[in-house]
Amino acid sequence: MKISVLGAGSWGTAVARLLANKGFDVVMYTISQPQLKVLNEKNENPSYLPGIKLPKSLSYTMDIHCVENTDVIVLAVPTSACRSVLEDLTNCSFVKKPILVNLAKGIENNSLKRVSEICQEVLGDMPFVCLSGPSHAEEVAKDIPTCVTVSSKDMTYAYEIQKLFSTKNFRVYTNKDLVGVELGGALKNIIALAAGISDGLDFGDNTKAALMTRGMYEISKLAIEMGGNPQTFHGLAGMGDLIVTCTSMHSRNRRCGILIGQGLSIEEATKEVGMVVEGIKTTKSAYDLSKKLGVEMPITQKLYGILYEGSDPLEAVKILMTRDSKDEIEEVFFL
């Protein structure tokens, strides 16, 4: 079994390590010559997973053609880079049609497409599987027990990836709702940013609990409007991922939000985090989708104002708290 992991960040590295430790022939692709040098010399990725030794069987390359004789391609780049990487794959000559497993959690700006839709547009009928759920790379790399879920339009491929990726510490479930799994993973980053801002403003557990609960309600409304299954948001790709991303300091979205709440600019906060903060761009995509589909998303709207219009976080909280009174369950959508 040959597997190519495209992307050498924390999550791509953790998954490459997991698969190499299962005995698969794994190569990890990077676009950075300095990173390639460090990986080859140290069998470690200190910029993203410091202190984690990688299997000696794991190999590294800057040649995208490494995918040409592979069984599985793991797409481990930020959502904003997915289209360009997938377009690079159109220049490759595949010996066989691989399964593409996407790890990115976001919605493309401008097109407002999910990664599966981008893949369909660029690569046609290449088999596609989405992997999502509460899975910080730092913990997976330490073999801390983790559960995720996989989904596909053709569940045959999801079942195959379930078997390939499962270990005694990495339990993989399946979910037939591809739309919901993709959107759950993407949209929870918005609420994690808001939860981080709440922490940065020194608000308490009451505030965060309210944000997470009402946040899940509004992102569920948008996802259901787009065709997602309500039950998905009770599961790993929904509530599970929301909990871990809003509460853990491993979460780059929460950490970025904390810094913004403490008064740093968006640019200063993202620079200090040092990695891509998916929730920033996803907030714009979700805001645009909410306007397009007529879905009320007050938390997302106020976060958009903070990130893109210079709104004051404290003022945004005041407006949210003094909105017109209403019933908690505004409409029946969990059928």
Protein backbone atom coordinates (compact mmCIF):
# COMPACT_ATOMS: atom_id res chain seq x y z
CA MET A 1 0.00 0.00 0.00
CA LYS A 2 1.53 3.30 -1.16
CA ILE A 3 0.30 6.54 0.38
CA SER A 4 1.25 10.13 -0.47
CA VAL A 5 0.61 12.88 2.09
CA LEU A 6 0.48 16.31 0.45
CA GLY A 7 1.36 18.87 3.08
CA ALA A 8 3.90 18.77 5.91
CA GLY A 9 2.15 20.77 8.59
CA SER A 10 1.15 19.38 11.97
CA TRP A 11 -1.88 17.37 10.83
CA GLY A 12 -0.27 16.02 7.68
CA THR A 13 2.78 14.96 9.70
CA ALA A 14 0.69 13.28 12.39
CA VAL A 15 -1.29 11.30 9.82
CA ALA A 16 1.84 10.37 7.86
CA ARG A 17 3.37 9.07 11.09
CA LEU A 18 0.24 7.08 11.94
CA LEU A 19 0.14 5.42 8.51
CA ALA A 20 3.88 4.74 8.36
CA ASN A 21 3.70 3.09 11.76
CA LYS A 22 1.06 0.74 10.32
CA GLY A 23 3.67 -0.46 7.84
CA PHE A 24 2.47 1.39 4.75
CA ASP A 25 4.87 2.92 2.22
CA VAL A 26 4.33 6.62 3.00
CA VAL A 27 5.90 9.68 1.38
CA MET A 28 5.24 13.21 2.63
CA TYR A 29 5.30 16.09 0.14
CA THR A 30 6.50 19.57 1.12
CA ILE A 31 7.10 22.72 -0.90
CA SER A 32 9.84 23.93 1.48
CA GLN A 33 13.48 23.04 0.81
CA PRO A 34 14.58 23.98 4.36
CA GLN A 35 11.80 21.83 5.82
CA LEU A 36 12.75 18.91 3.56
CA LYS A 37 16.35 19.17 4.78
CA VAL A 38 15.29 19.09 8.45
CA LEU A 39 12.90 16.18 7.92
CA ASN A 40 15.58 14.10 6.22
CA GLU A 41 18.29 14.94 8.73
CA LYS A 42 16.30 14.68 11.97
CA ASN A 43 13.26 12.50 11.23
CA GLU A 44 11.34 15.23 13.03
CA ASN A 45 9.18 18.22 12.09
CA PRO A 46 10.20 20.70 14.81
CA SER A 47 8.28 23.65 13.36
CA TYR A 48 4.95 21.85 13.73
CA LEU A 49 5.35 18.81 16.03
CA PRO A 50 8.44 19.46 18.15
CA GLY A 51 9.74 16.47 20.08
CA ILE A 52 7.84 13.90 18.00
CA LYS A 53 10.18 11.39 16.36
CA LEU A 54 8.98 10.16 12.97
CA PRO A 55 9.38 6.60 11.65
CA LYS A 56 12.60 6.01 9.72
CA SER A 57 10.50 4.34 7.01
CA LEU A 58 8.74 7.66 6.29
CA SER A 59 10.20 9.43 3.25
CA TYR A 60 10.00 13.04 2.09
CA THR A 61 9.96 14.81 -1.26
CA MET A 62 9.35 18.08 -3.10
CA ASP A 63 8.26 16.25 -6.25
CA ILE A 64 4.47 16.29 -6.70
CA HIS A 65 4.81 13.35 -9.09
CA CYS A 66 5.26 11.15 -6.03
CA VAL A 67 1.49 10.59 -6.31
CA GLU A 68 1.62 8.82 -9.67
CA ASN A 69 1.94 5.27 -8.34
CA THR A 70 0.04 5.74 -5.11
CA ASP A 71 -3.08 4.06 -3.72
CA VAL A 72 -4.15 6.90 -1.42
CA ILE A 73 -3.50 10.65 -1.56
CA VAL A 74 -3.93 12.49 1.73
CA LEU A 75 -4.66 16.18 1.12
CA ALA A 76 -3.26 17.94 4.19
CA VAL A 77 -3.07 21.60 3.15
CA PRO A 78 -5.21 24.59 4.18
CA THR A 79 -8.50 24.98 2.32
CA SER A 80 -7.21 28.08 0.54
CA ALA A 81 -4.42 25.98 -1.01
CA CYS A 82 -6.54 22.96 -1.97
CA ARG A 83 -7.48 24.16 -5.44
CA SER A 84 -3.91 24.93 -6.51
CA VAL A 85 -2.62 21.59 -5.17
CA LEU A 86 -5.42 19.70 -6.91
CA GLU A 87 -4.64 21.57 -10.13
CA ASP A 88 -1.01 20.44 -9.78
CA LEU A 89 -2.29 16.87 -9.73
CA THR A 90 -3.79 17.32 -13.21
CA ASN A 91 -0.19 17.33 -14.52
CA CYS A 92 0.45 13.87 -13.06
CA SER A 93 -0.01 10.57 -14.89
CA PHE A 94 -1.65 8.11 -12.53
CA VAL A 95 -0.86 4.42 -12.87
CA LYS A 96 -4.15 3.73 -11.06
CA LYS A 97 -6.92 5.93 -9.71
CA PRO A 98 -6.10 6.71 -6.05
CA ILE A 99 -8.52 7.60 -3.26
CA LEU A 100 -8.14 11.23 -2.20
CA VAL A 101 -8.59 11.76 1.56
CA ASN A 102 -9.12 15.39 2.53
CA LEU A 103 -8.10 16.65 5.98
CA ALA A 104 -8.78 20.38 5.41
CA LYS A 105 -11.70 21.96 7.27
CA GLY A 106 -12.96 25.01 5.45
CA ILE A 107 -15.06 26.55 2.69
CA GLU A 108 -13.37 28.24 -0.25
CA ASN A 109 -13.81 32.01 -0.38
CA ASN A 110 -15.48 33.48 -3.49
CA SER A 111 -16.69 30.15 -4.91
CA LEU A 112 -18.19 29.14 -1.49
CA LYS A 113 -17.47 25.50 -2.38
CA ARG A 114 -16.61 22.63 -0.10
CA VAL A 115 -13.36 20.74 -0.79
CA SER A 116 -15.27 17.80 -2.30
CA GLU A 117 -16.85 20.20 -4.79
CA ILE A 118 -13.48 21.71 -5.66
CA CYS A 119 -12.07 18.22 -6.19
CA GLN A 120 -14.98 17.28 -8.44
CA GLU A 121 -14.48 20.45 -10.45
CA VAL A 122 -10.72 20.00 -10.87
CA LEU A 123 -10.25 16.21 -10.96
CA GLY A 124 -13.64 14.92 -12.07
CA ASP A 125 -14.60 11.52 -10.68
CA MET A 126 -11.53 10.85 -8.53
CA PRO A 127 -12.66 8.94 -5.42
CA PHE A 128 -13.01 11.41 -2.53
CA VAL A 129 -13.21 10.85 1.23
CA CYS A 130 -13.50 13.53 3.92
CA LEU A 131 -11.94 12.86 7.34
CA SER A 132 -13.18 15.04 10.19
CA GLY A 133 -13.78 15.08 13.92
CA PRO A 134 -12.05 16.14 17.16
CA SER A 135 -8.45 15.35 16.35
CA HIS A 136 -5.66 17.68 17.39
CA ALA A 137 -2.47 16.66 15.60
CA GLU A 138 -0.42 17.14 18.77
CA GLU A 139 -2.42 14.39 20.51
CA VAL A 140 -2.67 12.00 17.56
CA ALA A 141 1.12 12.22 17.21
CA LYS A 142 1.44 11.07 20.84
CA ASP A 143 -0.95 8.14 20.26
CA ILE A 144 -3.56 9.60 22.60
CA PRO A 145 -6.91 7.84 21.94
CA THR A 146 -8.83 9.76 19.28
CA CYS A 147 -12.06 9.19 17.35
CA VAL A 148 -12.82 10.63 13.91
CA THR A 149 -15.36 10.06 11.15
CA VAL A 150 -15.03 9.63 7.38
CA SER A 151 -17.57 10.25 4.65
CA SER A 152 -17.88 9.97 0.88
CA LYS A 153 -20.47 10.08 -1.87
CA ASP A 154 -19.50 6.47 -2.49
CA MET A 155 -19.26 4.88 0.94
CA THR A 156 -17.22 1.99 -0.49
CA TYR A 157 -14.24 4.34 -0.36
CA ALA A 158 -15.09 5.56 3.14
CA TYR A 159 -15.17 1.98 4.42
CA GLU A 160 -11.78 1.32 2.80
CA ILE A 161 -10.24 4.39 4.44
CA GLN A 162 -11.85 3.44 7.76
CA LYS A 163 -9.98 0.15 7.64
CA LEU A 164 -6.69 1.65 6.44
CA PHE A 165 -6.53 4.45 9.03
CA SER A 166 -7.83 2.61 12.11
CA THR A 167 -5.42 1.72 14.93
CA LYS A 168 -5.83 0.82 18.59
CA ASN A 169 -5.54 4.56 19.40
CA PHE A 170 -7.21 6.05 16.32
CA ARG A 171 -10.81 4.89 15.95
CA VAL A 172 -12.51 5.73 12.65
CA TYR A 173 -16.29 5.86 12.29
CA THR A 174 -18.24 6.33 9.04
CA ASN A 175 -21.02 8.80 8.24
CA LYS A 176 -22.98 8.86 4.97
CA ASP A 177 -23.63 12.62 5.22
CA LEU A 178 -20.71 14.11 3.23
CA VAL A 179 -22.23 17.60 3.19
CA GLY A 180 -22.76 17.65 6.95
CA VAL A 181 -19.34 16.18 7.78
CA GLU A 182 -17.55 18.74 5.62
CA LEU A 183 -19.58 21.68 6.92
CA GLY A 184 -19.41 20.61 10.56
CA GLY A 185 -15.63 20.53 10.43
CA ALA A 186 -15.45 23.89 8.69
CA LEU A 187 -18.04 25.92 10.53
CA LYS A 188 -17.02 25.01 14.09
CA ASN A 189 -13.84 27.04 13.54
CA ILE A 190 -15.98 30.18 13.47
CA ILE A 191 -17.37 29.47 16.92
CA ALA A 192 -13.89 28.54 18.20
CA LEU A 193 -12.63 31.96 17.17
CA ALA A 194 -15.55 33.58 18.98
CA ALA A 195 -14.93 31.42 22.06
CA GLY A 196 -11.29 32.48 22.03
CA ILE A 197 -12.25 36.15 21.83
CA SER A 198 -14.54 35.57 24.82
CA ASP A 199 -11.59 34.10 26.74
CA GLY A 200 -9.38 37.00 25.68
CA LEU A 201 -11.96 39.43 27.06
CA ASP A 202 -11.81 37.53 30.38
CA PHE A 203 -15.40 36.36 30.19
CA GLY A 204 -16.23 33.15 31.97
CA ASP A 205 -17.50 29.63 31.48
CA ASN A 206 -21.11 30.84 31.29
CA THR A 207 -20.27 32.94 28.25
CA LYS A 208 -18.38 30.17 26.49
CA ALA A 209 -21.14 27.65 27.14
CA ALA A 210 -23.67 30.04 25.64
CA LEU A 211 -21.45 30.72 22.62
CA MET A 212 -20.91 27.03 21.95
CA THR A 213 -24.59 26.14 22.33
CA ARG A 214 -25.97 29.00 20.27
CA GLY A 215 -23.08 28.65 17.86
CA MET A 216 -23.91 25.01 17.21
CA TYR A 217 -27.53 26.04 16.64
CA GLU A 218 -26.69 28.61 13.99
CA ILE A 219 -24.05 26.62 12.11
CA SER A 220 -26.45 23.66 12.10
CA LYS A 221 -29.13 25.88 10.53
CA LEU A 222 -26.79 26.86 7.71
CA ALA A 223 -25.57 23.30 7.12
CA ILE A 224 -29.10 21.88 7.07
CA GLU A 225 -30.13 24.55 4.58
CA MET A 226 -27.25 23.32 2.41
CA GLY A 227 -28.37 19.70 2.61
CA GLY A 228 -26.65 18.38 5.74
CA ASN A 229 -28.24 15.79 8.02
CA PRO A 230 -29.24 17.23 11.45
CA GLN A 231 -27.97 14.11 13.22
CA THR A 232 -24.41 14.77 12.00
CA PHE A 233 -24.21 17.76 14.34
CA HIS A 234 -24.77 15.55 17.38
CA GLY A 235 -21.70 13.53 16.36
CA LEU A 236 -17.94 13.72 16.01
CA ALA A 237 -17.90 16.12 13.03
CA GLY A 238 -20.37 18.40 14.82
CA MET A 239 -20.48 18.68 18.60
CA GLY A 240 -17.32 16.60 19.08
CA ASP A 241 -15.17 18.89 16.96
CA LEU A 242 -16.85 22.01 18.37
CA ILE A 243 -16.05 21.01 21.96
CA VAL A 244 -12.38 20.27 21.36
CA THR A 245 -11.78 23.34 19.20
CA CYS A 246 -13.46 25.77 21.60
CA THR A 247 -11.81 24.45 24.76
CA SER A 248 -8.28 23.33 23.90
CA MET A 249 -5.11 25.41 23.72
CA HIS A 250 -4.04 23.11 20.88
CA SER A 251 -6.71 24.91 18.83
CA ARG A 252 -5.13 27.56 16.66
CA ASN A 253 -8.57 29.14 16.12
CA ARG A 254 -9.17 29.50 19.86
CA ARG A 255 -5.62 30.78 20.44
CA CYS A 256 -6.01 33.35 17.68
CA GLY A 257 -9.34 34.46 19.16
CA ILE A 258 -7.78 34.88 22.61
CA LEU A 259 -5.13 37.19 21.15
CA ILE A 260 -7.74 39.23 19.27
CA GLY A 261 -9.79 39.53 22.47
CA GLN A 262 -6.66 40.78 24.25
CA GLY A 263 -6.33 43.58 21.73
CA LEU A 264 -4.01 42.27 19.02
CA SER A 265 -4.82 42.94 15.38
CA ILE A 266 -5.80 40.06 13.12
CA GLU A 267 -2.37 40.17 11.49
CA GLU A 268 -0.54 40.22 14.84
CA ALA A 269 -2.65 37.36 16.21
CA THR A 270 -2.18 35.07 13.20
CA LYS A 271 1.55 35.81 13.14
CA GLU A 272 1.86 34.81 16.79
CA VAL A 273 -0.12 31.59 16.25
CA GLY A 274 2.31 30.79 13.44
CA MET A 275 -0.01 28.52 11.46
CA VAL A 276 -3.02 28.93 9.19
CA VAL A 277 -6.15 29.87 11.15
CA GLU A 278 -8.90 28.34 8.98
CA GLY A 279 -11.71 30.07 10.87
CA ILE A 280 -10.77 33.53 9.62
CA LYS A 281 -11.49 32.78 5.97
CA THR A 282 -14.32 30.39 6.82
CA THR A 283 -16.07 33.22 8.68
CA LYS A 284 -16.21 35.19 5.44
CA SER A 285 -17.47 32.18 3.48
CA ALA A 286 -20.15 31.42 6.08
CA TYR A 287 -21.19 35.08 6.26
CA ASP A 288 -21.56 35.20 2.47
CA LEU A 289 -23.48 31.91 2.46
CA SER A 290 -25.83 33.12 5.21
CA LYS A 291 -26.67 36.19 3.14
CA LYS A 292 -27.09 34.15 -0.03
CA LEU A 293 -29.35 31.56 1.62
CA GLY A 294 -31.19 33.87 3.99
CA VAL A 295 -30.05 32.10 7.18
CA GLU A 296 -29.81 34.21 10.33
CA MET A 297 -26.37 33.74 11.96
CA PRO A 298 -25.86 36.48 14.58
CA ILE A 299 -22.59 35.16 16.05
CA THR A 300 -21.07 34.68 12.62
CA GLN A 301 -22.28 38.13 11.58
CA LYS A 302 -20.67 39.83 14.59
CA LEU A 303 -17.44 37.86 14.18
CA TYR A 304 -17.33 38.91 10.53
CA GLY A 305 -17.63 42.52 11.71
CA ILE A 306 -14.69 42.06 14.11
CA LEU A 307 -12.47 40.33 11.54
CA TYR A 308 -13.31 42.27 8.39
CA GLU A 309 -14.89 45.58 9.42
CA GLY A 310 -12.93 46.56 12.52
CA SER A 311 -15.83 46.17 14.96
CA ASP A 312 -15.03 46.31 18.66
CA PRO A 313 -15.38 42.87 20.31
CA LEU A 314 -16.95 44.26 23.49
CA GLU A 315 -19.52 46.18 21.47
CA ALA A 316 -20.29 43.06 19.45
CA VAL A 317 -21.00 41.14 22.68
CA LYS A 318 -23.24 43.95 23.92
CA ILE A 319 -25.28 43.85 20.71
CA LEU A 320 -25.62 40.06 20.89
CA MET A 321 -26.77 40.22 24.51
CA THR A 322 -29.37 42.95 23.89
CA ARG A 323 -31.00 41.50 20.76
CA ASP A 324 -34.78 41.19 20.82
CA SER A 325 -35.96 38.50 23.23
CA LYS A 326 -37.03 35.24 21.64
CA ASP A 327 -37.76 31.60 22.29
CA GLU A 328 -34.61 29.45 22.50
CA ILE A 329 -35.83 27.01 19.83
CA GLU A 330 -36.88 29.33 17.06
CA GLU A 331 -37.91 26.62 14.64
CA VAL A 332 -38.05 22.85 14.51
CA PHE A 333 -35.16 21.68 12.36
CA PHE A 334 -33.86 18.64 14.22
CA LEU A 335 -36.36 16.26 12.67
